[in-house]
Amino acid sequence: MRQIKHWQDPLSGALGLWLLAAPWVLGFAQSTTPTANSTLVGMALMATALGATFVPRAWEEWTEVALGVWLVISPWVLGFEGLLNAKMNDIVVGIAVLVLALWVLATDKDYTHWGAAAH
């Protein structure tokens, strides 16, 4: 069996799974917009993290960065900033996804060349 290159990727996948369950666990499933957002981003995050776990590439981490940024700003962009549970969940999970993906990008020697090439 192949060893996982980045422990952060399965954790990001678990956060994607959490996003799928969060509307029902946190009680905002009756609100269509945050539920759809949580479900779609959760599925995208799980797929990206699964790919990054088994076939690691830098673009998958950058996709996770984009998903994390989207989660942080989505309550305001989609207009559900008044739903505290949904908003806080997206912000906290978004920050966690961002930290995990940026951590991999900053520490994996195979991915750090993009910064050096710009200089």
PDB file of N, CA and C in Angstrom:
ATOM      1  N   MET A   1       0.834  -1.181   0.000  1.00  0.00           N
ATOM      2  CA  MET A   1       0.000   0.000   0.000  1.00  0.00           C
ATOM      3  C   MET A   1       0.884   1.252   0.000  1.00  0.00           C
ATOM      4  N   ARG A   2       0.479   2.225  -0.763  1.00  0.00           N
ATOM      5  CA  ARG A   2       1.235   3.467  -0.900  1.00  0.00           C
ATOM      6  C   ARG A   2       1.008   4.374   0.302  1.00  0.00           C
ATOM      7  N   GLN A   3       2.076   4.994   0.754  1.00  0.00           N
ATOM      8  CA  GLN A   3       1.989   5.904   1.894  1.00  0.00           C
ATOM      9  C   GLN A   3       1.445   7.261   1.437  1.00  0.00           C
ATOM     10  N   ILE A   4       0.626   7.856   2.266  1.00  0.00           N
ATOM     11  CA  ILE A   4       0.056   9.172   1.976  1.00  0.00           C
ATOM     12  C   ILE A   4       1.166  10.212   2.084  1.00  0.00           C
ATOM     13  N   LYS A   5       1.282  11.070   1.071  1.00  0.00           N
ATOM     14  CA  LYS A   5       2.350  12.068   1.032  1.00  0.00           C
ATOM     15  C   LYS A   5       2.099  13.218   2.005  1.00  0.00           C
ATOM     16  N   HIS A   6       0.844  13.672   2.102  1.00  0.00           N
ATOM     17  CA  HIS A   6       0.502  14.805   2.972  1.00  0.00           C
ATOM     18  C   HIS A   6      -0.648  14.416   3.887  1.00  0.00           C
ATOM     19  N   TRP A   7      -0.422  14.443   5.170  1.00  0.00           N
ATOM     20  CA  TRP A   7      -1.497  14.100   6.112  1.00  0.00           C
ATOM     21  C   TRP A   7      -2.636  15.117   6.040  1.00  0.00           C
ATOM     22  N   GLN A   8      -2.373  16.294   5.512  1.00  0.00           N
ATOM     23  CA  GLN A   8      -3.376  17.348   5.438  1.00  0.00           C
ATOM     24  C   GLN A   8      -4.506  17.001   4.459  1.00  0.00           C
ATOM     25  N   ASP A   9      -4.213  16.207   3.433  1.00  0.00           N
ATOM     26  CA  ASP A   9      -5.213  15.907   2.409  1.00  0.00           C
ATOM     27  C   ASP A   9      -6.387  15.079   2.939  1.00  0.00           C
ATOM     28  N   PRO A  10      -6.154  13.977   3.661  1.00  0.00           N
ATOM     29  CA  PRO A  10      -7.302  13.268   4.227  1.00  0.00           C
ATOM     30  C   PRO A  10      -8.099  14.137   5.220  1.00  0.00           C
ATOM     31  N   LEU A  11      -7.419  15.012   5.927  1.00  0.00           N
ATOM     32  CA  LEU A  11      -8.110  15.914   6.842  1.00  0.00           C
ATOM     33  C   LEU A  11      -8.996  16.890   6.066  1.00  0.00           C
ATOM     34  N   SER A  12      -8.514  17.383   4.943  1.00  0.00           N
ATOM     35  CA  SER A  12      -9.334  18.246   4.082  1.00  0.00           C
ATOM     36  C   SER A  12     -10.537  17.475   3.546  1.00  0.00           C
ATOM     37  N   GLY A  13     -10.342  16.215   3.213  1.00  0.00           N
ATOM     38  CA  GLY A  13     -11.457  15.371   2.777  1.00  0.00           C
ATOM     39  C   GLY A  13     -12.496  15.200   3.874  1.00  0.00           C
ATOM     40  N   ALA A  14     -12.021  15.045   5.101  1.00  0.00           N
ATOM     41  CA  ALA A  14     -12.942  14.932   6.238  1.00  0.00           C
ATOM     42  C   ALA A  14     -13.721  16.241   6.438  1.00  0.00           C
ATOM     43  N   LEU A  15     -13.063  17.369   6.214  1.00  0.00           N
ATOM     44  CA  LEU A  15     -13.767  18.655   6.296  1.00  0.00           C
ATOM     45  C   LEU A  15     -14.827  18.752   5.201  1.00  0.00           C
ATOM     46  N   GLY A  16     -14.546  18.193   4.026  1.00  0.00           N
ATOM     47  CA  GLY A  16     -15.548  18.140   2.967  1.00  0.00           C
ATOM     48  C   GLY A  16     -16.742  17.294   3.374  1.00  0.00           C
ATOM     49  N   LEU A  17     -16.477  16.172   4.012  1.00  0.00           N
ATOM     50  CA  LEU A  17     -17.554  15.321   4.519  1.00  0.00           C
ATOM     51  C   LEU A  17     -18.370  16.064   5.574  1.00  0.00           C
ATOM     52  N   TRP A  18     -17.684  16.804   6.450  1.00  0.00           N
ATOM     53  CA  TRP A  18     -18.378  17.608   7.446  1.00  0.00           C
ATOM     54  C   TRP A  18     -19.306  18.625   6.776  1.00  0.00           C
ATOM     55  N   LEU A  19     -18.829  19.266   5.704  1.00  0.00           N
ATOM     56  CA  LEU A  19     -19.665  20.239   5.004  1.00  0.00           C
ATOM     57  C   LEU A  19     -20.946  19.606   4.477  1.00  0.00           C
ATOM     58  N   LEU A  20     -20.886  18.346   4.073  1.00  0.00           N
ATOM     59  CA  LEU A  20     -22.088  17.653   3.610  1.00  0.00           C
ATOM     60  C   LEU A  20     -23.090  17.447   4.749  1.00  0.00           C
ATOM     61  N   ALA A  21     -22.603  17.173   5.936  1.00  0.00           N
ATOM     62  CA  ALA A  21     -23.475  16.901   7.078  1.00  0.00           C
ATOM     63  C   ALA A  21     -23.889  18.153   7.833  1.00  0.00           C
ATOM     64  N   ALA A  22     -23.101  19.206   7.745  1.00  0.00           N
ATOM     65  CA  ALA A  22     -23.290  20.406   8.576  1.00  0.00           C
ATOM     66  C   ALA A  22     -24.689  21.022   8.530  1.00  0.00           C
ATOM     67  N   PRO A  23     -25.326  21.129   7.364  1.00  0.00           N
ATOM     68  CA  PRO A  23     -26.655  21.764   7.364  1.00  0.00           C
ATOM     69  C   PRO A  23     -27.646  21.067   8.299  1.00  0.00           C
ATOM     70  N   TRP A  24     -27.558  19.753   8.399  1.00  0.00           N
ATOM     71  CA  TRP A  24     -28.485  19.015   9.254  1.00  0.00           C
ATOM     72  C   TRP A  24     -28.004  18.997  10.701  1.00  0.00           C
ATOM     73  N   VAL A  25     -26.714  18.872  10.895  1.00  0.00           N
ATOM     74  CA  VAL A  25     -26.159  18.850  12.249  1.00  0.00           C
ATOM     75  C   VAL A  25     -26.321  20.213  12.926  1.00  0.00           C
ATOM     76  N   LEU A  26     -26.069  21.282  12.173  1.00  0.00           N
ATOM     77  CA  LEU A  26     -26.116  22.630  12.738  1.00  0.00           C
ATOM     78  C   LEU A  26     -27.476  23.307  12.582  1.00  0.00           C
ATOM     79  N   GLY A  27     -28.413  22.653  11.899  1.00  0.00           N
ATOM     80  CA  GLY A  27     -29.779  23.137  11.841  1.00  0.00           C
ATOM     81  C   GLY A  27     -30.077  24.231  10.832  1.00  0.00           C
ATOM     82  N   PHE A  28     -29.345  24.281   9.721  1.00  0.00           N
ATOM     83  CA  PHE A  28     -29.691  25.267   8.705  1.00  0.00           C
ATOM     84  C   PHE A  28     -30.103  24.615   7.381  1.00  0.00           C
ATOM     85  N   ALA A  29     -30.479  23.349   7.432  1.00  0.00           N
ATOM     86  CA  ALA A  29     -30.849  22.610   6.222  1.00  0.00           C
ATOM     87  C   ALA A  29     -32.098  23.181   5.547  1.00  0.00           C
ATOM     88  N   GLN A  30     -32.939  23.876   6.289  1.00  0.00           N
ATOM     89  CA  GLN A  30     -34.151  24.458   5.704  1.00  0.00           C
ATOM     90  C   GLN A  30     -33.835  25.667   4.827  1.00  0.00           C
ATOM     91  N   SER A  31     -32.629  26.203   4.926  1.00  0.00           N
ATOM     92  CA  SER A  31     -32.206  27.354   4.116  1.00  0.00           C
ATOM     93  C   SER A  31     -31.473  26.838   2.875  1.00  0.00           C
ATOM     94  N   THR A  32     -32.079  27.042   1.734  1.00  0.00           N
ATOM     95  CA  THR A  32     -31.585  26.451   0.486  1.00  0.00           C
ATOM     96  C   THR A  32     -30.180  26.906   0.111  1.00  0.00           C
ATOM     97  N   THR A  33     -29.917  28.199   0.160  1.00  0.00           N
ATOM     98  CA  THR A  33     -28.631  28.707  -0.335  1.00  0.00           C
ATOM     99  C   THR A  33     -27.439  28.192   0.466  1.00  0.00           C
ATOM    100  N   PRO A  34     -27.412  28.337   1.800  1.00  0.00           N
ATOM    101  CA  PRO A  34     -26.238  27.823   2.512  1.00  0.00           C
ATOM    102  C   PRO A  34     -26.138  26.298   2.459  1.00  0.00           C
ATOM    103  N   THR A  35     -27.276  25.618   2.369  1.00  0.00           N
ATOM    104  CA  THR A  35     -27.241  24.158   2.265  1.00  0.00           C
ATOM    105  C   THR A  35     -26.648  23.729   0.931  1.00  0.00           C
ATOM    106  N   ALA A  36     -27.084  24.366  -0.151  1.00  0.00           N
ATOM    107  CA  ALA A  36     -26.532  24.040  -1.469  1.00  0.00           C
ATOM    108  C   ALA A  36     -25.042  24.366  -1.520  1.00  0.00           C
ATOM    109  N   ASN A  37     -24.662  25.507  -0.967  1.00  0.00           N
ATOM    110  CA  ASN A  37     -23.257  25.904  -0.951  1.00  0.00           C
ATOM    111  C   ASN A  37     -22.428  24.882  -0.183  1.00  0.00           C
ATOM    112  N   SER A  38     -22.884  24.514   0.991  1.00  0.00           N
ATOM    113  CA  SER A  38     -22.165  23.558   1.823  1.00  0.00           C
ATOM    114  C   SER A  38     -22.042  22.208   1.115  1.00  0.00           C
ATOM    115  N   THR A  39     -23.117  21.778   0.475  1.00  0.00           N
ATOM    116  CA  THR A  39     -23.118  20.489  -0.217  1.00  0.00           C
ATOM    117  C   THR A  39     -22.181  20.492  -1.423  1.00  0.00           C
ATOM    118  N   LEU A  40     -22.281  21.529  -2.246  1.00  0.00           N
ATOM    119  CA  LEU A  40     -21.445  21.586  -3.452  1.00  0.00           C
ATOM    120  C   LEU A  40     -19.963  21.741  -3.116  1.00  0.00           C
ATOM    121  N   VAL A  41     -19.659  22.631  -2.184  1.00  0.00           N
ATOM    122  CA  VAL A  41     -18.258  22.819  -1.799  1.00  0.00           C
ATOM    123  C   VAL A  41     -17.739  21.568  -1.094  1.00  0.00           C
ATOM    124  N   GLY A  42     -18.575  20.942  -0.284  1.00  0.00           N
ATOM    125  CA  GLY A  42     -18.172  19.706   0.389  1.00  0.00           C
ATOM    126  C   GLY A  42     -17.811  18.612  -0.598  1.00  0.00           C
ATOM    127  N   MET A  43     -18.642  18.433  -1.635  1.00  0.00           N
ATOM    128  CA  MET A  43     -18.345  17.418  -2.655  1.00  0.00           C
ATOM    129  C   MET A  43     -17.074  17.769  -3.421  1.00  0.00           C
ATOM    130  N   ALA A  44     -16.915  19.043  -3.787  1.00  0.00           N
ATOM    131  CA  ALA A  44     -15.707  19.462  -4.506  1.00  0.00           C
ATOM    132  C   ALA A  44     -14.462  19.271  -3.652  1.00  0.00           C
ATOM    133  N   LEU A  45     -14.562  19.601  -2.375  1.00  0.00           N
ATOM    134  CA  LEU A  45     -13.423  19.452  -1.468  1.00  0.00           C
ATOM    135  C   LEU A  45     -13.071  17.980  -1.279  1.00  0.00           C
ATOM    136  N   MET A  46     -14.073  17.140  -1.119  1.00  0.00           N
ATOM    137  CA  MET A  46     -13.805  15.711  -0.967  1.00  0.00           C
ATOM    138  C   MET A  46     -13.126  15.151  -2.224  1.00  0.00           C
ATOM    139  N   ALA A  47     -13.614  15.523  -3.395  1.00  0.00           N
ATOM    140  CA  ALA A  47     -13.024  15.032  -4.643  1.00  0.00           C
ATOM    141  C   ALA A  47     -11.585  15.514  -4.806  1.00  0.00           C
ATOM    142  N   THR A  48     -11.364  16.788  -4.519  1.00  0.00           N
ATOM    143  CA  THR A  48     -10.014  17.357  -4.648  1.00  0.00           C
ATOM    144  C   THR A  48      -9.064  16.724  -3.636  1.00  0.00           C
ATOM    145  N   ALA A  49      -9.507  16.571  -2.413  1.00  0.00           N
ATOM    146  CA  ALA A  49      -8.663  15.977  -1.368  1.00  0.00           C
ATOM    147  C   ALA A  49      -8.373  14.515  -1.673  1.00  0.00           C
ATOM    148  N   LEU A  50      -9.352  13.812  -2.224  1.00  0.00           N
ATOM    149  CA  LEU A  50      -9.132  12.414  -2.592  1.00  0.00           C
ATOM    150  C   LEU A  50      -8.071  12.318  -3.686  1.00  0.00           C
ATOM    151  N   GLY A  51      -8.184  13.182  -4.685  1.00  0.00           N
ATOM    152  CA  GLY A  51      -7.167  13.219  -5.729  1.00  0.00           C
ATOM    153  C   GLY A  51      -5.796  13.563  -5.175  1.00  0.00           C
ATOM    154  N   ALA A  52      -5.752  14.547  -4.284  1.00  0.00           N
ATOM    155  CA  ALA A  52      -4.477  14.966  -3.695  1.00  0.00           C
ATOM    156  C   ALA A  52      -3.875  13.874  -2.818  1.00  0.00           C
ATOM    157  N   THR A  53      -4.718  13.053  -2.229  1.00  0.00           N
ATOM    158  CA  THR A  53      -4.232  11.966  -1.378  1.00  0.00           C
ATOM    159  C   THR A  53      -3.558  10.882  -2.207  1.00  0.00           C
ATOM    160  N   PHE A  54      -4.168  10.530  -3.343  1.00  0.00           N
ATOM    161  CA  PHE A  54      -3.664   9.403  -4.123  1.00  0.00           C
ATOM    162  C   PHE A  54      -2.769   9.791  -5.291  1.00  0.00           C
ATOM    163  N   VAL A  55      -2.953  10.972  -5.856  1.00  0.00           N
ATOM    164  CA  VAL A  55      -2.111  11.448  -6.946  1.00  0.00           C
ATOM    165  C   VAL A  55      -1.792  12.919  -6.663  1.00  0.00           C
ATOM    166  N   PRO A  56      -0.880  13.176  -5.720  1.00  0.00           N
ATOM    167  CA  PRO A  56      -0.628  14.546  -5.288  1.00  0.00           C
ATOM    168  C   PRO A  56      -0.054  15.440  -6.383  1.00  0.00           C
ATOM    169  N   ARG A  57      -0.703  16.577  -6.562  1.00  0.00           N
ATOM    170  CA  ARG A  57      -0.258  17.611  -7.494  1.00  0.00           C
ATOM    171  C   ARG A  57      -0.512  18.973  -6.865  1.00  0.00           C
ATOM    172  N   ALA A  58       0.275  19.941  -7.224  1.00  0.00           N
ATOM    173  CA  ALA A  58       0.127  21.286  -6.654  1.00  0.00           C
ATOM    174  C   ALA A  58      -1.216  21.910  -7.009  1.00  0.00           C
ATOM    175  N   TRP A  59      -1.743  21.653  -8.211  1.00  0.00           N
ATOM    176  CA  TRP A  59      -3.012  22.271  -8.615  1.00  0.00           C
ATOM    177  C   TRP A  59      -4.148  21.872  -7.692  1.00  0.00           C
ATOM    178  N   GLU A  60      -4.069  20.673  -7.128  1.00  0.00           N
ATOM    179  CA  GLU A  60      -5.125  20.240  -6.199  1.00  0.00           C
ATOM    180  C   GLU A  60      -5.081  21.079  -4.924  1.00  0.00           C
ATOM    181  N   GLU A  61      -3.888  21.401  -4.471  1.00  0.00           N
ATOM    182  CA  GLU A  61      -3.776  22.258  -3.287  1.00  0.00           C
ATOM    183  C   GLU A  61      -4.275  23.666  -3.606  1.00  0.00           C
ATOM    184  N   TRP A  62      -3.958  24.163  -4.809  1.00  0.00           N
ATOM    185  CA  TRP A  62      -4.447  25.486  -5.197  1.00  0.00           C
ATOM    186  C   TRP A  62      -5.971  25.500  -5.324  1.00  0.00           C
ATOM    187  N   THR A  63      -6.536  24.377  -5.764  1.00  0.00           N
ATOM    188  CA  THR A  63      -7.996  24.271  -5.813  1.00  0.00           C
ATOM    189  C   THR A  63      -8.568  24.329  -4.403  1.00  0.00           C
ATOM    190  N   GLU A  64      -7.923  23.676  -3.455  1.00  0.00           N
ATOM    191  CA  GLU A  64      -8.365  23.731  -2.065  1.00  0.00           C
ATOM    192  C   GLU A  64      -8.236  25.150  -1.508  1.00  0.00           C
ATOM    193  N   VAL A  65      -7.190  25.864  -1.895  1.00  0.00           N
ATOM    194  CA  VAL A  65      -7.058  27.272  -1.492  1.00  0.00           C
ATOM    195  C   VAL A  65      -8.264  28.059  -1.989  1.00  0.00           C
ATOM    196  N   ALA A  66      -8.610  27.878  -3.258  1.00  0.00           N
ATOM    197  CA  ALA A  66      -9.758  28.589  -3.830  1.00  0.00           C
ATOM    198  C   ALA A  66     -11.060  28.219  -3.107  1.00  0.00           C
ATOM    199  N   LEU A  67     -11.234  26.944  -2.801  1.00  0.00           N
ATOM    200  CA  LEU A  67     -12.434  26.518  -2.074  1.00  0.00           C
ATOM    201  C   LEU A  67     -12.473  27.128  -0.672  1.00  0.00           C
ATOM    202  N   GLY A  68     -11.321  27.194  -0.019  1.00  0.00           N
ATOM    203  CA  GLY A  68     -11.255  27.808   1.307  1.00  0.00           C
ATOM    204  C   GLY A  68     -11.604  29.289   1.269  1.00  0.00           C
ATOM    205  N   VAL A  69     -11.066  29.995   0.289  1.00  0.00           N
ATOM    206  CA  VAL A  69     -11.388  31.420   0.136  1.00  0.00           C
ATOM    207  C   VAL A  69     -12.882  31.585  -0.126  1.00  0.00           C
ATOM    208  N   TRP A  70     -13.429  30.752  -1.020  1.00  0.00           N
ATOM    209  CA  TRP A  70     -14.854  30.829  -1.313  1.00  0.00           C
ATOM    210  C   TRP A  70     -15.690  30.622  -0.049  1.00  0.00           C
ATOM    211  N   LEU A  71     -15.332  29.625   0.748  1.00  0.00           N
ATOM    212  CA  LEU A  71     -16.095  29.375   1.974  1.00  0.00           C
ATOM    213  C   LEU A  71     -16.089  30.596   2.896  1.00  0.00           C
ATOM    214  N   VAL A  72     -14.948  31.248   3.009  1.00  0.00           N
ATOM    215  CA  VAL A  72     -14.845  32.410   3.899  1.00  0.00           C
ATOM    216  C   VAL A  72     -15.716  33.569   3.412  1.00  0.00           C
ATOM    217  N   ILE A  73     -15.767  33.786   2.112  1.00  0.00           N
ATOM    218  CA  ILE A  73     -16.521  34.945   1.597  1.00  0.00           C
ATOM    219  C   ILE A  73     -17.955  34.620   1.198  1.00  0.00           C
ATOM    220  N   SER A  74     -18.287  33.350   1.055  1.00  0.00           N
ATOM    221  CA  SER A  74     -19.600  32.966   0.525  1.00  0.00           C
ATOM    222  C   SER A  74     -20.802  33.455   1.339  1.00  0.00           C
ATOM    223  N   PRO A  75     -20.738  33.549   2.661  1.00  0.00           N
ATOM    224  CA  PRO A  75     -21.926  34.050   3.372  1.00  0.00           C
ATOM    225  C   PRO A  75     -22.346  35.450   2.902  1.00  0.00           C
ATOM    226  N   TRP A  76     -21.379  36.288   2.580  1.00  0.00           N
ATOM    227  CA  TRP A  76     -21.693  37.650   2.131  1.00  0.00           C
ATOM    228  C   TRP A  76     -22.040  37.677   0.648  1.00  0.00           C
ATOM    229  N   VAL A  77     -21.317  36.900  -0.143  1.00  0.00           N
ATOM    230  CA  VAL A  77     -21.574  36.868  -1.584  1.00  0.00           C
ATOM    231  C   VAL A  77     -22.959  36.287  -1.867  1.00  0.00           C
ATOM    232  N   LEU A  78     -23.329  35.236  -1.130  1.00  0.00           N
ATOM    233  CA  LEU A  78     -24.610  34.564  -1.364  1.00  0.00           C
ATOM    234  C   LEU A  78     -25.737  35.091  -0.478  1.00  0.00           C
ATOM    235  N   GLY A  79     -25.413  35.982   0.448  1.00  0.00           N
ATOM    236  CA  GLY A  79     -26.431  36.640   1.249  1.00  0.00           C
ATOM    237  C   GLY A  79     -26.994  35.852   2.412  1.00  0.00           C
ATOM    238  N   PHE A  80     -26.217  34.955   3.009  1.00  0.00           N
ATOM    239  CA  PHE A  80     -26.708  34.257   4.199  1.00  0.00           C
ATOM    240  C   PHE A  80     -25.883  34.584   5.451  1.00  0.00           C
ATOM    241  N   GLU A  81     -25.305  35.799   5.451  1.00  0.00           N
ATOM    242  CA  GLU A  81     -24.497  36.212   6.603  1.00  0.00           C
ATOM    243  C   GLU A  81     -25.322  36.327   7.881  1.00  0.00           C
ATOM    244  N   GLY A  82     -26.641  36.404   7.780  1.00  0.00           N
ATOM    245  CA  GLY A  82     -27.509  36.481   8.956  1.00  0.00           C
ATOM    246  C   GLY A  82     -27.744  35.138   9.626  1.00  0.00           C
ATOM    247  N   LEU A  83     -27.413  34.044   8.956  1.00  0.00           N
ATOM    248  CA  LEU A  83     -27.556  32.710   9.542  1.00  0.00           C
ATOM    249  C   LEU A  83     -26.248  32.353  10.247  1.00  0.00           C
ATOM    250  N   LEU A  84     -26.202  32.612  11.542  1.00  0.00           N
ATOM    251  CA  LEU A  84     -24.958  32.503  12.301  1.00  0.00           C
ATOM    252  C   LEU A  84     -24.302  31.124  12.184  1.00  0.00           C
ATOM    253  N   ASN A  85     -25.068  30.053  12.330  1.00  0.00           N
ATOM    254  CA  ASN A  85     -24.472  28.712  12.254  1.00  0.00           C
ATOM    255  C   ASN A  85     -23.842  28.446  10.895  1.00  0.00           C
ATOM    256  N   ALA A  86     -24.560  28.792   9.844  1.00  0.00           N
ATOM    257  CA  ALA A  86     -24.042  28.560   8.495  1.00  0.00           C
ATOM    258  C   ALA A  86     -22.820  29.439   8.230  1.00  0.00           C
ATOM    259  N   LYS A  87     -22.921  30.704   8.608  1.00  0.00           N
ATOM    260  CA  LYS A  87     -21.813  31.642   8.376  1.00  0.00           C
ATOM    261  C   LYS A  87     -20.562  31.213   9.131  1.00  0.00           C
ATOM    262  N   MET A  88     -20.690  30.934  10.413  1.00  0.00           N
ATOM    263  CA  MET A  88     -19.516  30.578  11.212  1.00  0.00           C
ATOM    264  C   MET A  88     -18.918  29.249  10.756  1.00  0.00           C
ATOM    265  N   ASN A  89     -19.771  28.311  10.379  1.00  0.00           N
ATOM    266  CA  ASN A  89     -19.271  27.039   9.880  1.00  0.00           C
ATOM    267  C   ASN A  89     -18.433  27.251   8.619  1.00  0.00           C
ATOM    268  N   ASP A  90     -18.957  28.026   7.683  1.00  0.00           N
ATOM    269  CA  ASP A  90     -18.214  28.259   6.452  1.00  0.00           C
ATOM    270  C   ASP A  90     -16.903  28.995   6.707  1.00  0.00           C
ATOM    271  N   ILE A  91     -16.916  29.964   7.602  1.00  0.00           N
ATOM    272  CA  ILE A  91     -15.692  30.718   7.892  1.00  0.00           C
ATOM    273  C   ILE A  91     -14.645  29.817   8.550  1.00  0.00           C
ATOM    274  N   VAL A  92     -15.054  29.067   9.564  1.00  0.00           N
ATOM    275  CA  VAL A  92     -14.103  28.215  10.292  1.00  0.00           C
ATOM    276  C   VAL A  92     -13.556  27.111   9.386  1.00  0.00           C
ATOM    277  N   VAL A  93     -14.440  26.440   8.651  1.00  0.00           N
ATOM    278  CA  VAL A  93     -13.979  25.374   7.750  1.00  0.00           C
ATOM    279  C   VAL A  93     -13.128  25.973   6.635  1.00  0.00           C
ATOM    280  N   GLY A  94     -13.521  27.121   6.103  1.00  0.00           N
ATOM    281  CA  GLY A  94     -12.746  27.774   5.052  1.00  0.00           C
ATOM    282  C   GLY A  94     -11.336  28.108   5.500  1.00  0.00           C
ATOM    283  N   ILE A  95     -11.207  28.652   6.695  1.00  0.00           N
ATOM    284  CA  ILE A  95      -9.877  28.980   7.228  1.00  0.00           C
ATOM    285  C   ILE A  95      -9.061  27.709   7.425  1.00  0.00           C
ATOM    286  N   ALA A  96      -9.685  26.655   7.942  1.00  0.00           N
ATOM    287  CA  ALA A  96      -8.973  25.389   8.142  1.00  0.00           C
ATOM    288  C   ALA A  96      -8.482  24.821   6.809  1.00  0.00           C
ATOM    289  N   VAL A  97      -9.332  24.850   5.794  1.00  0.00           N
ATOM    290  CA  VAL A  97      -8.949  24.348   4.470  1.00  0.00           C
ATOM    291  C   VAL A  97      -7.799  25.181   3.904  1.00  0.00           C
ATOM    292  N   LEU A  98      -7.903  26.496   4.049  1.00  0.00           N
ATOM    293  CA  LEU A  98      -6.828  27.383   3.584  1.00  0.00           C
ATOM    294  C   LEU A  98      -5.501  27.065   4.268  1.00  0.00           C
ATOM    295  N   VAL A  99      -5.529  26.943   5.578  1.00  0.00           N
ATOM    296  CA  VAL A  99      -4.305  26.673   6.338  1.00  0.00           C
ATOM    297  C   VAL A  99      -3.693  25.345   5.905  1.00  0.00           C
ATOM    298  N   LEU A 100      -4.517  24.311   5.788  1.00  0.00           N
ATOM    299  CA  LEU A 100      -3.997  22.998   5.409  1.00  0.00           C
ATOM    300  C   LEU A 100      -3.380  23.017   4.007  1.00  0.00           C
ATOM    301  N   ALA A 101      -4.070  23.632   3.049  1.00  0.00           N
ATOM    302  CA  ALA A 101      -3.556  23.658   1.674  1.00  0.00           C
ATOM    303  C   ALA A 101      -2.301  24.511   1.560  1.00  0.00           C
ATOM    304  N   LEU A 102      -2.312  25.682   2.188  1.00  0.00           N
ATOM    305  CA  LEU A 102      -1.121  26.542   2.141  1.00  0.00           C
ATOM    306  C   LEU A 102       0.057  25.903   2.857  1.00  0.00           C
ATOM    307  N   TRP A 103      -0.210  25.151   3.899  1.00  0.00           N
ATOM    308  CA  TRP A 103       0.835  24.429   4.624  1.00  0.00           C
ATOM    309  C   TRP A 103       1.530  23.446   3.675  1.00  0.00           C
ATOM    310  N   VAL A 104       0.736  22.684   2.935  1.00  0.00           N
ATOM    311  CA  VAL A 104       1.319  21.733   1.993  1.00  0.00           C
ATOM    312  C   VAL A 104       2.124  22.470   0.925  1.00  0.00           C
ATOM    313  N   LEU A 105       1.541  23.522   0.367  1.00  0.00           N
ATOM    314  CA  LEU A 105       2.239  24.273  -0.686  1.00  0.00           C
ATOM    315  C   LEU A 105       3.548  24.883  -0.180  1.00  0.00           C
ATOM    316  N   ALA A 106       3.580  25.297   1.063  1.00  0.00           N
ATOM    317  CA  ALA A 106       4.774  25.942   1.608  1.00  0.00           C
ATOM    318  C   ALA A 106       5.846  24.952   2.041  1.00  0.00           C
ATOM    319  N   THR A 107       5.462  23.714   2.342  1.00  0.00           N
ATOM    320  CA  THR A 107       6.437  22.780   2.918  1.00  0.00           C
ATOM    321  C   THR A 107       6.861  21.651   1.986  1.00  0.00           C
ATOM    322  N   ASP A 108       6.121  21.396   0.930  1.00  0.00           N
ATOM    323  CA  ASP A 108       6.479  20.311   0.017  1.00  0.00           C
ATOM    324  C   ASP A 108       7.504  20.833  -0.990  1.00  0.00           C
ATOM    325  N   LYS A 109       8.680  20.255  -0.991  1.00  0.00           N
ATOM    326  CA  LYS A 109       9.752  20.720  -1.880  1.00  0.00           C
ATOM    327  C   LYS A 109       9.380  20.576  -3.355  1.00  0.00           C
ATOM    328  N   ASP A 110       8.475  19.663  -3.667  1.00  0.00           N
ATOM    329  CA  ASP A 110       8.032  19.508  -5.055  1.00  0.00           C
ATOM    330  C   ASP A 110       7.107  20.637  -5.493  1.00  0.00           C
ATOM    331  N   TYR A 111       6.520  21.355  -4.534  1.00  0.00           N
ATOM    332  CA  TYR A 111       5.569  22.414  -4.851  1.00  0.00           C
ATOM    333  C   TYR A 111       6.139  23.814  -4.648  1.00  0.00           C
ATOM    334  N   THR A 112       7.245  23.944  -3.944  1.00  0.00           N
ATOM    335  CA  THR A 112       7.770  25.273  -3.613  1.00  0.00           C
ATOM    336  C   THR A 112       8.494  25.941  -4.772  1.00  0.00           C
ATOM    337  N   HIS A 113       8.743  25.249  -5.851  1.00  0.00           N
ATOM    338  CA  HIS A 113       9.464  25.833  -6.987  1.00  0.00           C
ATOM    339  C   HIS A 113       8.707  26.978  -7.649  1.00  0.00           C
ATOM    340  N   TRP A 114       7.393  27.038  -7.524  1.00  0.00           N
ATOM    341  CA  TRP A 114       6.627  28.097  -8.175  1.00  0.00           C
ATOM    342  C   TRP A 114       7.028  29.475  -7.643  1.00  0.00           C
ATOM    343  N   GLY A 115       7.371  29.565  -6.365  1.00  0.00           N
ATOM    344  CA  GLY A 115       7.783  30.855  -5.795  1.00  0.00           C
ATOM    345  C   GLY A 115       9.180  31.252  -6.227  1.00  0.00           C
ATOM    346  N   ALA A 116      10.062  30.279  -6.338  1.00  0.00           N
ATOM    347  CA  ALA A 116      11.447  30.536  -6.736  1.00  0.00           C
ATOM    348  C   ALA A 116      11.527  30.914  -8.215  1.00  0.00           C
ATOM    349  N   ALA A 117      10.656  30.353  -9.034  1.00  0.00           N
ATOM    350  CA  ALA A 117      10.690  30.624 -10.469  1.00  0.00           C
ATOM    351  C   ALA A 117      10.284  32.055 -10.783  1.00  0.00           C
ATOM    352  N   ALA A 118       9.540  32.683  -9.908  1.00  0.00           N
ATOM    353  CA  ALA A 118       9.084  34.062 -10.147  1.00  0.00           C
ATOM    354  C   ALA A 118      10.194  35.083  -9.910  1.00  0.00           C
ATOM    355  N   HIS A 119      11.259  34.684  -9.233  1.00  0.00           N
ATOM    356  CA  HIS A 119      12.322  35.636  -8.911  1.00  0.00           C
ATOM    357  C   HIS A 119      13.396  35.619  -9.929  1.00  0.00           C
TER     358      HIS A 119
END
